[in-house]
PDB file of N, CA and C in Angstrom:
ATOM      1  N   MET A   1    -105.521-171.833 -13.805  1.00  0.00           N
ATOM      2  CA  MET A   1    -104.080-171.845 -13.726  1.00  0.00           C
ATOM      3  C   MET A   1    -103.466-171.407 -15.060  1.00  0.00           C
ATOM      4  N   LEU A   2    -104.034-171.869 -16.148  1.00  0.00           N
ATOM      5  CA  LEU A   2    -103.522-171.483 -17.457  1.00  0.00           C
ATOM      6  C   LEU A   2    -103.686-169.991 -17.691  1.00  0.00           C
ATOM      7  N   ARG A   3    -104.816-169.451 -17.268  1.00  0.00           N
ATOM      8  CA  ARG A   3    -105.035-168.016 -17.439  1.00  0.00           C
ATOM      9  C   ARG A   3    -104.066-167.199 -16.598  1.00  0.00           C
ATOM     10  N   GLU A   4    -103.723-167.700 -15.411  1.00  0.00           N
ATOM     11  CA  GLU A   4    -102.759-167.001 -14.576  1.00  0.00           C
ATOM     12  C   GLU A   4    -101.388-166.990 -15.232  1.00  0.00           C
ATOM     13  N   ARG A   5    -100.988-168.139 -15.786  1.00  0.00           N
ATOM     14  CA  ARG A   5     -99.694-168.188 -16.478  1.00  0.00           C
ATOM     15  C   ARG A   5     -99.683-167.273 -17.685  1.00  0.00           C
ATOM     16  N   ARG A   6    -100.779-167.260 -18.427  1.00  0.00           N
ATOM     17  CA  ARG A   6    -100.866-166.403 -19.603  1.00  0.00           C
ATOM     18  C   ARG A   6    -100.828-164.921 -19.195  1.00  0.00           C
ATOM     19  N   ALA A   7    -101.506-164.564 -18.097  1.00  0.00           N
ATOM     20  CA  ALA A   7    -101.500-163.179 -17.612  1.00  0.00           C
ATOM     21  C   ALA A   7    -100.107-162.791 -17.153  1.00  0.00           C
ATOM     22  N   ASN A   8     -99.419-163.682 -16.467  1.00  0.00           N
ATOM     23  CA  ASN A   8     -98.049-163.386 -16.037  1.00  0.00           C
ATOM     24  C   ASN A   8     -97.119-163.216 -17.228  1.00  0.00           C
ATOM     25  N   ARG A   9     -97.311-164.033 -18.238  1.00  0.00           N
ATOM     26  CA  ARG A   9     -96.481-163.943 -19.429  1.00  0.00           C
ATOM     27  C   ARG A   9     -96.736-162.639 -20.182  1.00  0.00           C
ATOM     28  N   MET A  10     -97.983-162.201 -20.213  1.00  0.00           N
ATOM     29  CA  MET A  10     -98.317-160.963 -20.916  1.00  0.00           C
ATOM     30  C   MET A  10     -97.825-159.726 -20.165  1.00  0.00           C
ATOM     31  N   ASN A  11     -97.576-159.832 -18.864  1.00  0.00           N
ATOM     32  CA  ASN A  11     -97.105-158.701 -18.082  1.00  0.00           C
ATOM     33  C   ASN A  11     -95.592-158.693 -17.927  1.00  0.00           C
ATOM     34  N   SER A  12     -94.901-159.471 -18.716  1.00  0.00           N
ATOM     35  CA  SER A  12     -93.449-159.528 -18.647  1.00  0.00           C
ATOM     36  C   SER A  12     -92.850-158.178 -19.036  1.00  0.00           C
ATOM     37  N   PRO A  13     -91.880-157.685 -18.267  1.00  0.00           N
ATOM     38  CA  PRO A  13     -91.287-156.382 -18.607  1.00  0.00           C
ATOM     39  C   PRO A  13     -90.407-156.435 -19.857  1.00  0.00           C
ATOM     40  N   TYR A  14     -90.055-157.624 -20.319  1.00  0.00           N
ATOM     41  CA  TYR A  14     -89.162-157.751 -21.463  1.00  0.00           C
ATOM     42  C   TYR A  14     -89.870-157.948 -22.794  1.00  0.00           C
ATOM     43  N   ARG A  15     -91.181-157.945 -22.799  1.00  0.00           N
ATOM     44  CA  ARG A  15     -91.890-158.260 -24.038  1.00  0.00           C
ATOM     45  C   ARG A  15     -91.594-157.255 -25.135  1.00  0.00           C
ATOM     46  N   TRP A  16     -91.497-155.974 -24.827  1.00  0.00           N
ATOM     47  CA  TRP A  16     -91.206-154.986 -25.865  1.00  0.00           C
ATOM     48  C   TRP A  16     -89.737-154.999 -26.247  1.00  0.00           C
ATOM     49  N   VAL A  17     -88.875-155.423 -25.331  1.00  0.00           N
ATOM     50  CA  VAL A  17     -87.460-155.583 -25.670  1.00  0.00           C
ATOM     51  C   VAL A  17     -87.314-156.691 -26.707  1.00  0.00           C
ATOM     52  N   ILE A  18     -88.070-157.762 -26.535  1.00  0.00           N
ATOM     53  CA  ILE A  18     -88.022-158.866 -27.491  1.00  0.00           C
ATOM     54  C   ILE A  18     -88.562-158.427 -28.845  1.00  0.00           C
ATOM     55  N   VAL A  19     -89.638-157.661 -28.849  1.00  0.00           N
ATOM     56  CA  VAL A  19     -90.194-157.145 -30.105  1.00  0.00           C
ATOM     57  C   VAL A  19     -89.183-156.226 -30.796  1.00  0.00           C
ATOM     58  N   ALA A  20     -88.543-155.347 -30.025  1.00  0.00           N
ATOM     59  CA  ALA A  20     -87.549-154.435 -30.598  1.00  0.00           C
ATOM     60  C   ALA A  20     -86.342-155.197 -31.135  1.00  0.00           C
ATOM     61  N   ALA A  21     -85.893-156.218 -30.411  1.00  0.00           N
ATOM     62  CA  ALA A  21     -84.754-157.019 -30.880  1.00  0.00           C
ATOM     63  C   ALA A  21     -85.100-157.749 -32.173  1.00  0.00           C
ATOM     64  N   GLY A  22     -86.318-158.283 -32.258  1.00  0.00           N
ATOM     65  CA  GLY A  22     -86.745-158.947 -33.493  1.00  0.00           C
ATOM     66  C   GLY A  22     -86.813-157.984 -34.657  1.00  0.00           C
ATOM     67  N   GLY A  23     -87.326-156.783 -34.414  1.00  0.00           N
ATOM     68  CA  GLY A  23     -87.368-155.772 -35.473  1.00  0.00           C
ATOM     69  C   GLY A  23     -85.978-155.361 -35.921  1.00  0.00           C
ATOM     70  N   LEU A  24     -85.074-155.191 -34.962  1.00  0.00           N
ATOM     71  CA  LEU A  24     -83.699-154.824 -35.306  1.00  0.00           C
ATOM     72  C   LEU A  24     -83.016-155.913 -36.123  1.00  0.00           C
ATOM     73  N   LEU A  25     -83.193-157.161 -35.706  1.00  0.00           N
ATOM     74  CA  LEU A  25     -82.595-158.263 -36.460  1.00  0.00           C
ATOM     75  C   LEU A  25     -83.188-158.376 -37.863  1.00  0.00           C
ATOM     76  N   GLY A  26     -84.476-158.111 -37.990  1.00  0.00           N
ATOM     77  CA  GLY A  26     -85.093-158.118 -39.318  1.00  0.00           C
ATOM     78  C   GLY A  26     -84.521-157.031 -40.202  1.00  0.00           C
ATOM     79  N   CYS A  27     -84.312-155.839 -39.637  1.00  0.00           N
ATOM     80  CA  CYS A  27     -83.728-154.736 -40.414  1.00  0.00           C
ATOM     81  C   CYS A  27     -82.297-155.041 -40.832  1.00  0.00           C
ATOM     82  N   VAL A  28     -81.525-155.639 -39.931  1.00  0.00           N
ATOM     83  CA  VAL A  28     -80.146-156.000 -40.265  1.00  0.00           C
ATOM     84  C   VAL A  28     -80.120-157.046 -41.378  1.00  0.00           C
ATOM     85  N   ALA A  29     -81.012-158.034 -41.293  1.00  0.00           N
ATOM     86  CA  ALA A  29     -81.051-159.087 -42.309  1.00  0.00           C
ATOM     87  C   ALA A  29     -81.433-158.522 -43.676  1.00  0.00           C
ATOM     88  N   ILE A  30     -82.448-157.671 -43.716  1.00  0.00           N
ATOM     89  CA  ILE A  30     -82.854-157.085 -44.986  1.00  0.00           C
ATOM     90  C   ILE A  30     -81.780-156.128 -45.503  1.00  0.00           C
ATOM     91  N   GLY A  31     -81.145-155.409 -44.584  1.00  0.00           N
ATOM     92  CA  GLY A  31     -80.040-154.527 -44.991  1.00  0.00           C
ATOM     93  C   GLY A  31     -78.896-155.303 -45.616  1.00  0.00           C
ATOM     94  N   ALA A  32     -78.613-156.471 -45.053  1.00  0.00           N
ATOM     95  CA  ALA A  32     -77.565-157.316 -45.631  1.00  0.00           C
ATOM     96  C   ALA A  32     -77.957-157.801 -47.020  1.00  0.00           C
ATOM     97  N   MET A  33     -79.242-158.104 -47.200  1.00  0.00           N
ATOM     98  CA  MET A  33     -79.692-158.552 -48.520  1.00  0.00           C
ATOM     99  C   MET A  33     -79.619-157.429 -49.551  1.00  0.00           C
ATOM    100  N   PHE A  34     -79.976-156.226 -49.144  1.00  0.00           N
ATOM    101  CA  PHE A  34     -80.007-155.115 -50.095  1.00  0.00           C
ATOM    102  C   PHE A  34     -78.654-154.424 -50.271  1.00  0.00           C
ATOM    103  N   SER A  35     -77.638-154.832 -49.536  1.00  0.00           N
ATOM    104  CA  SER A  35     -76.323-154.205 -49.677  1.00  0.00           C
ATOM    105  C   SER A  35     -75.495-154.815 -50.806  1.00  0.00           C
ATOM    106  N   LEU A  36     -76.046-155.747 -51.524  1.00  0.00           N
ATOM    107  CA  LEU A  36     -75.297-156.407 -52.596  1.00  0.00           C
ATOM    108  C   LEU A  36     -74.729-155.439 -53.632  1.00  0.00           C
ATOM    109  N   PRO A  37     -75.461-154.439 -54.106  1.00  0.00           N
ATOM    110  CA  PRO A  37     -74.875-153.561 -55.120  1.00  0.00           C
ATOM    111  C   PRO A  37     -73.602-152.856 -54.668  1.00  0.00           C
ATOM    112  N   VAL A  38     -73.484-152.618 -53.376  1.00  0.00           N
ATOM    113  CA  VAL A  38     -72.282-151.959 -52.871  1.00  0.00           C
ATOM    114  C   VAL A  38     -71.082-152.891 -52.972  1.00  0.00           C
ATOM    115  N   PHE A  39     -71.291-154.162 -52.720  1.00  0.00           N
ATOM    116  CA  PHE A  39     -70.191-155.120 -52.668  1.00  0.00           C
ATOM    117  C   PHE A  39     -70.090-156.018 -53.899  1.00  0.00           C
ATOM    118  N   LEU A  40     -70.883-155.771 -54.916  1.00  0.00           N
ATOM    119  CA  LEU A  40     -70.933-156.684 -56.058  1.00  0.00           C
ATOM    120  C   LEU A  40     -69.603-156.747 -56.804  1.00  0.00           C
ATOM    121  N   ARG A  41     -69.075-155.603 -57.200  1.00  0.00           N
ATOM    122  CA  ARG A  41     -67.799-155.600 -57.931  1.00  0.00           C
ATOM    123  C   ARG A  41     -66.645-156.138 -57.085  1.00  0.00           C
ATOM    124  N   PRO A  42     -66.459-155.676 -55.828  1.00  0.00           N
ATOM    125  CA  PRO A  42     -65.367-156.243 -55.036  1.00  0.00           C
ATOM    126  C   PRO A  42     -65.501-157.748 -54.803  1.00  0.00           C
ATOM    127  N   MET A  43     -66.726-158.230 -54.607  1.00  0.00           N
ATOM    128  CA  MET A  43     -66.918-159.673 -54.440  1.00  0.00           C
ATOM    129  C   MET A  43     -66.550-160.419 -55.705  1.00  0.00           C
ATOM    130  N   SER A  44     -66.924-159.867 -56.840  1.00  0.00           N
ATOM    131  CA  SER A  44     -66.624-160.500 -58.115  1.00  0.00           C
ATOM    132  C   SER A  44     -65.119-160.562 -58.357  1.00  0.00           C
ATOM    133  N   GLN A  45     -64.437-159.474 -58.048  1.00  0.00           N
ATOM    134  CA  GLN A  45     -62.992-159.438 -58.263  1.00  0.00           C
ATOM    135  C   GLN A  45     -62.253-160.340 -57.280  1.00  0.00           C
ATOM    136  N   GLU A  46     -62.702-160.357 -56.035  1.00  0.00           N
ATOM    137  CA  GLU A  46     -62.022-161.135 -55.000  1.00  0.00           C
ATOM    138  C   GLU A  46     -62.205-162.638 -55.186  1.00  0.00           C
ATOM    139  N   THR A  47     -63.396-163.066 -55.544  1.00  0.00           N
ATOM    140  CA  THR A  47     -63.677-164.497 -55.641  1.00  0.00           C
ATOM    141  C   THR A  47     -63.463-165.055 -57.043  1.00  0.00           C
ATOM    142  N   GLY A  48     -63.472-164.187 -58.048  1.00  0.00           N
ATOM    143  CA  GLY A  48     -63.340-164.651 -59.421  1.00  0.00           C
ATOM    144  C   GLY A  48     -64.658-165.093 -60.027  1.00  0.00           C
ATOM    145  N   TRP A  49     -65.747-164.918 -59.288  1.00  0.00           N
ATOM    146  CA  TRP A  49     -67.070-165.264 -59.798  1.00  0.00           C
ATOM    147  C   TRP A  49     -67.570-164.157 -60.704  1.00  0.00           C
ATOM    148  N   SER A  50     -68.448-164.516 -61.624  1.00  0.00           N
ATOM    149  CA  SER A  50     -69.003-163.501 -62.505  1.00  0.00           C
ATOM    150  C   SER A  50     -70.064-162.682 -61.767  1.00  0.00           C
ATOM    151  N   VAL A  51     -70.249-161.451 -62.237  1.00  0.00           N
ATOM    152  CA  VAL A  51     -71.282-160.583 -61.666  1.00  0.00           C
ATOM    153  C   VAL A  51     -72.654-161.212 -61.881  1.00  0.00           C
ATOM    154  N   THR A  52     -72.835-161.861 -63.024  1.00  0.00           N
ATOM    155  CA  THR A  52     -74.103-162.521 -63.320  1.00  0.00           C
ATOM    156  C   THR A  52     -74.380-163.656 -62.341  1.00  0.00           C
ATOM    157  N   GLY A  53     -73.361-164.434 -62.026  1.00  0.00           N
ATOM    158  CA  GLY A  53     -73.527-165.539 -61.085  1.00  0.00           C
ATOM    159  C   GLY A  53     -73.911-165.057 -59.700  1.00  0.00           C
ATOM    160  N   ILE A  54     -73.264-163.995 -59.224  1.00  0.00           N
ATOM    161  CA  ILE A  54     -73.582-163.453 -57.908  1.00  0.00           C
ATOM    162  C   ILE A  54     -74.992-162.865 -57.908  1.00  0.00           C
ATOM    163  N   SER A  55     -75.342-162.164 -58.983  1.00  0.00           N
ATOM    164  CA  SER A  55     -76.678-161.568 -59.067  1.00  0.00           C
ATOM    165  C   SER A  55     -77.762-162.639 -59.161  1.00  0.00           C
ATOM    166  N   THR A  56     -77.473-163.716 -59.874  1.00  0.00           N
ATOM    167  CA  THR A  56     -78.435-164.815 -59.979  1.00  0.00           C
ATOM    168  C   THR A  56     -78.664-165.459 -58.618  1.00  0.00           C
ATOM    169  N   THR A  57     -77.596-165.633 -57.870  1.00  0.00           N
ATOM    170  CA  THR A  57     -77.721-166.184 -56.518  1.00  0.00           C
ATOM    171  C   THR A  57     -78.574-165.277 -55.645  1.00  0.00           C
ATOM    172  N   MET A  58     -78.387-163.980 -55.784  1.00  0.00           N
ATOM    173  CA  MET A  58     -79.194-163.033 -55.014  1.00  0.00           C
ATOM    174  C   MET A  58     -80.661-163.103 -55.423  1.00  0.00           C
ATOM    175  N   THR A  59     -80.907-163.251 -56.700  1.00  0.00           N
ATOM    176  CA  THR A  59     -82.282-163.378 -57.178  1.00  0.00           C
ATOM    177  C   THR A  59     -82.938-164.632 -56.615  1.00  0.00           C
ATOM    178  N   ILE A  60     -82.204-165.722 -56.587  1.00  0.00           N
ATOM    179  CA  ILE A  60     -82.729-166.961 -56.012  1.00  0.00           C
ATOM    180  C   ILE A  60     -83.030-166.767 -54.526  1.00  0.00           C
ATOM    181  N   GLY A  61     -82.173-166.033 -53.829  1.00  0.00           N
ATOM    182  CA  GLY A  61     -82.418-165.741 -52.417  1.00  0.00           C
ATOM    183  C   GLY A  61     -83.695-164.949 -52.206  1.00  0.00           C
ATOM    184  N   PHE A  62     -83.923-163.934 -53.049  1.00  0.00           N
ATOM    185  CA  PHE A  62     -85.149-163.144 -52.934  1.00  0.00           C
ATOM    186  C   PHE A  62     -86.388-163.980 -53.250  1.00  0.00           C
ATOM    187  N   LEU A  63     -86.300-164.823 -54.261  1.00  0.00           N
ATOM    188  CA  LEU A  63     -87.438-165.683 -54.597  1.00  0.00           C
ATOM    189  C   LEU A  63     -87.720-166.688 -53.490  1.00  0.00           C
ATOM    190  N   ALA A  64     -86.671-167.216 -52.877  1.00  0.00           N
ATOM    191  CA  ALA A  64     -86.857-168.152 -51.768  1.00  0.00           C
ATOM    192  C   ALA A  64     -87.527-167.454 -50.586  1.00  0.00           C
ATOM    193  N   MET A  65     -87.142-166.204 -50.317  1.00  0.00           N
ATOM    194  CA  MET A  65     -87.798-165.462 -49.237  1.00  0.00           C
ATOM    195  C   MET A  65     -89.266-165.232 -49.545  1.00  0.00           C
ATOM    196  N   ALA A  66     -89.591-164.935 -50.793  1.00  0.00           N
ATOM    197  CA  ALA A  66     -90.979-164.693 -51.169  1.00  0.00           C
ATOM    198  C   ALA A  66     -91.816-165.962 -51.000  1.00  0.00           C
ATOM    199  N   VAL A  67     -91.289-167.085 -51.477  1.00  0.00           N
ATOM    200  CA  VAL A  67     -92.019-168.351 -51.351  1.00  0.00           C
ATOM    201  C   VAL A  67     -92.159-168.741 -49.887  1.00  0.00           C
ATOM    202  N   ALA A  68     -91.087-168.600 -49.107  1.00  0.00           N
ATOM    203  CA  ALA A  68     -91.141-168.962 -47.697  1.00  0.00           C
ATOM    204  C   ALA A  68     -92.147-168.097 -46.942  1.00  0.00           C
ATOM    205  N   SER A  69     -92.235-166.818 -47.283  1.00  0.00           N
ATOM    206  CA  SER A  69     -93.191-165.951 -46.582  1.00  0.00           C
ATOM    207  C   SER A  69     -94.626-166.346 -46.920  1.00  0.00           C
ATOM    208  N   MET A  70     -94.877-166.744 -48.160  1.00  0.00           N
ATOM    209  CA  MET A  70     -96.227-167.178 -48.515  1.00  0.00           C
ATOM    210  C   MET A  70     -96.584-168.496 -47.834  1.00  0.00           C
ATOM    211  N   VAL A  71     -95.619-169.406 -47.753  1.00  0.00           N
ATOM    212  CA  VAL A  71     -95.858-170.682 -47.084  1.00  0.00           C
ATOM    213  C   VAL A  71     -96.113-170.453 -45.597  1.00  0.00           C
ATOM    214  N   TRP A  72     -95.305-169.605 -44.971  1.00  0.00           N
ATOM    215  CA  TRP A  72     -95.483-169.353 -43.551  1.00  0.00           C
ATOM    216  C   TRP A  72     -96.797-168.629 -43.283  1.00  0.00           C
ATOM    217  N   ALA A  73     -97.207-167.741 -44.167  1.00  0.00           N
ATOM    218  CA  ALA A  73     -98.490-167.050 -43.986  1.00  0.00           C
ATOM    219  C   ALA A  73     -99.657-168.032 -44.049  1.00  0.00           C
ATOM    220  N   THR A  74     -99.484-169.126 -44.772  1.00  0.00           N
ATOM    221  CA  THR A  74    -100.530-170.143 -44.855  1.00  0.00           C
ATOM    222  C   THR A  74    -100.471-171.109 -43.684  1.00  0.00           C
ATOM    223  N   ILE A  75     -99.282-171.565 -43.343  1.00  0.00           N
ATOM    224  CA  ILE A  75     -99.123-172.593 -42.318  1.00  0.00           C
ATOM    225  C   ILE A  75     -99.110-172.014 -40.915  1.00  0.00           C
ATOM    226  N   GLY A  76     -98.596-170.816 -40.732  1.00  0.00           N
ATOM    227  CA  GLY A  76     -98.446-170.226 -39.406  1.00  0.00           C
ATOM    228  C   GLY A  76     -99.706-170.205 -38.567  1.00  0.00           C
ATOM    229  N   PRO A  77    -100.803-169.672 -39.070  1.00  0.00           N
ATOM    230  CA  PRO A  77    -102.025-169.658 -38.254  1.00  0.00           C
ATOM    231  C   PRO A  77    -102.544-171.048 -37.923  1.00  0.00           C
ATOM    232  N   ILE A  78    -102.392-171.982 -38.829  1.00  0.00           N
ATOM    233  CA  ILE A  78    -102.836-173.358 -38.573  1.00  0.00           C
ATOM    234  C   ILE A  78    -102.001-173.960 -37.450  1.00  0.00           C
ATOM    235  N   TYR A  79    -100.697-173.769 -37.521  1.00  0.00           N
ATOM    236  CA  TYR A  79     -99.806-174.281 -36.477  1.00  0.00           C
ATOM    237  C   TYR A  79    -100.133-173.642 -35.131  1.00  0.00           C
ATOM    238  N   TYR A  80    -100.348-172.335 -35.124  1.00  0.00           N
ATOM    239  CA  TYR A  80    -100.642-171.645 -33.864  1.00  0.00           C
ATOM    240  C   TYR A  80    -101.935-172.149 -33.245  1.00  0.00           C
ATOM    241  N   ARG A  81    -102.973-172.316 -34.063  1.00  0.00           N
ATOM    242  CA  ARG A  81    -104.246-172.794 -33.520  1.00  0.00           C
ATOM    243  C   ARG A  81    -104.127-174.196 -32.958  1.00  0.00           C
ATOM    244  N   SER A  82    -103.452-175.094 -33.656  1.00  0.00           N
ATOM    245  CA  SER A  82    -103.334-176.466 -33.169  1.00  0.00           C
ATOM    246  C   SER A  82    -102.470-176.508 -31.906  1.00  0.00           C
ATOM    247  N   ARG A  83    -101.430-175.710 -31.866  1.00  0.00           N
ATOM    248  CA  ARG A  83    -100.564-175.680 -30.687  1.00  0.00           C
ATOM    249  C   ARG A  83    -101.332-175.122 -29.491  1.00  0.00           C
ATOM    250  N   ARG A  84    -102.106-174.079 -29.727  1.00  0.00           N
ATOM    251  CA  ARG A  84    -102.898-173.496 -28.659  1.00  0.00           C
ATOM    252  C   ARG A  84    -103.937-174.501 -28.152  1.00  0.00           C
ATOM    253  N   PHE A  85    -104.577-175.207 -29.073  1.00  0.00           N
ATOM    254  CA  PHE A  85    -105.566-176.213 -28.675  1.00  0.00           C
ATOM    255  C   PHE A  85    -104.934-177.256 -27.777  1.00  0.00           C
ATOM    256  N   TRP A  86    -103.785-177.795 -28.182  1.00  0.00           N
ATOM    257  CA  TRP A  86    -103.185-178.878 -27.409  1.00  0.00           C
ATOM    258  C   TRP A  86    -102.643-178.392 -26.084  1.00  0.00           C
ATOM    259  N   SER A  87    -102.156-177.158 -26.008  1.00  0.00           N
ATOM    260  CA  SER A  87    -101.681-176.661 -24.715  1.00  0.00           C
ATOM    261  C   SER A  87    -102.845-176.449 -23.766  1.00  0.00           C
ATOM    262  N   GLU A  88    -103.970-175.947 -24.270  1.00  0.00           N
ATOM    263  CA  GLU A  88    -105.142-175.767 -23.412  1.00  0.00           C
ATOM    264  C   GLU A  88    -105.773-177.118 -23.068  1.00  0.00           C
ATOM    265  N   ALA A  89    -105.733-178.042 -24.005  1.00  0.00           N
ATOM    266  CA  ALA A  89    -106.309-179.359 -23.750  1.00  0.00           C
ATOM    267  C   ALA A  89    -105.528-180.095 -22.675  1.00  0.00           C
ATOM    268  N   SER A  90    -104.213-179.955 -22.683  1.00  0.00           N
ATOM    269  CA  SER A  90    -103.417-180.640 -21.669  1.00  0.00           C
ATOM    270  C   SER A  90    -103.589-180.001 -20.298  1.00  0.00           C
ATOM    271  N   ALA A  91    -103.895-178.708 -20.254  1.00  0.00           N
ATOM    272  CA  ALA A  91    -104.085-178.030 -18.979  1.00  0.00           C
ATOM    273  C   ALA A  91    -105.499-178.226 -18.433  1.00  0.00           C
ATOM    274  N   ASN A  92    -106.434-178.571 -19.323  1.00  0.00           N
ATOM    275  CA  ASN A  92    -107.831-178.676 -18.906  1.00  0.00           C
ATOM    276  C   ASN A  92    -108.387-180.000 -19.415  1.00  0.00           C
ATOM    277  N   GLU A  93    -108.612-180.934 -18.525  1.00  0.00           N
ATOM    278  CA  GLU A  93    -109.059-182.262 -18.926  1.00  0.00           C
ATOM    279  C   GLU A  93    -110.459-182.279 -19.485  1.00  0.00           C
ATOM    280  N   SER A  94    -111.231-181.201 -19.353  1.00  0.00           N
ATOM    281  CA  SER A  94    -112.601-181.206 -19.846  1.00  0.00           C
ATOM    282  C   SER A  94    -112.659-181.313 -21.376  1.00  0.00           C
ATOM    283  N   TYR A  95    -111.553-181.029 -22.069  1.00  0.00           N
ATOM    284  CA  TYR A  95    -111.520-181.204 -23.511  1.00  0.00           C
ATOM    285  C   TYR A  95    -111.698-182.680 -23.889  1.00  0.00           C
ATOM    286  N   PHE A  96    -111.239-183.553 -23.012  1.00  0.00           N
ATOM    287  CA  PHE A  96    -111.235-184.963 -23.317  1.00  0.00           C
ATOM    288  C   PHE A  96    -112.459-185.700 -22.796  1.00  0.00           C
ATOM    289  N   LYS A  97    -113.362-184.993 -22.124  1.00  0.00           N
ATOM    290  CA  LYS A  97    -114.549-185.650 -21.541  1.00  0.00           C
ATOM    291  C   LYS A  97    -115.755-185.482 -22.434  1.00  0.00           C
TER     292      LYS A  97
END
């Protein structure tokens, strides 16, 4: 039964739409991060913040993304394996015998 559900899920017609939407959202997010030089002076003038303060905040954002990506690269596979184990274990009682 689990294999049938997995096969049905893998044959979903929307799977590539979801992949494309995720890629598009990733590009938009990175584009927003890298557009700072275009808006740096107007943001500084409009808010009254210093250019250094805005740039420092951007640097902290980039460092946070770097640390988060390294943490997720370490934790992600562990989480996936444990989640997969428990989903298969709940579908198949032979794990517990």
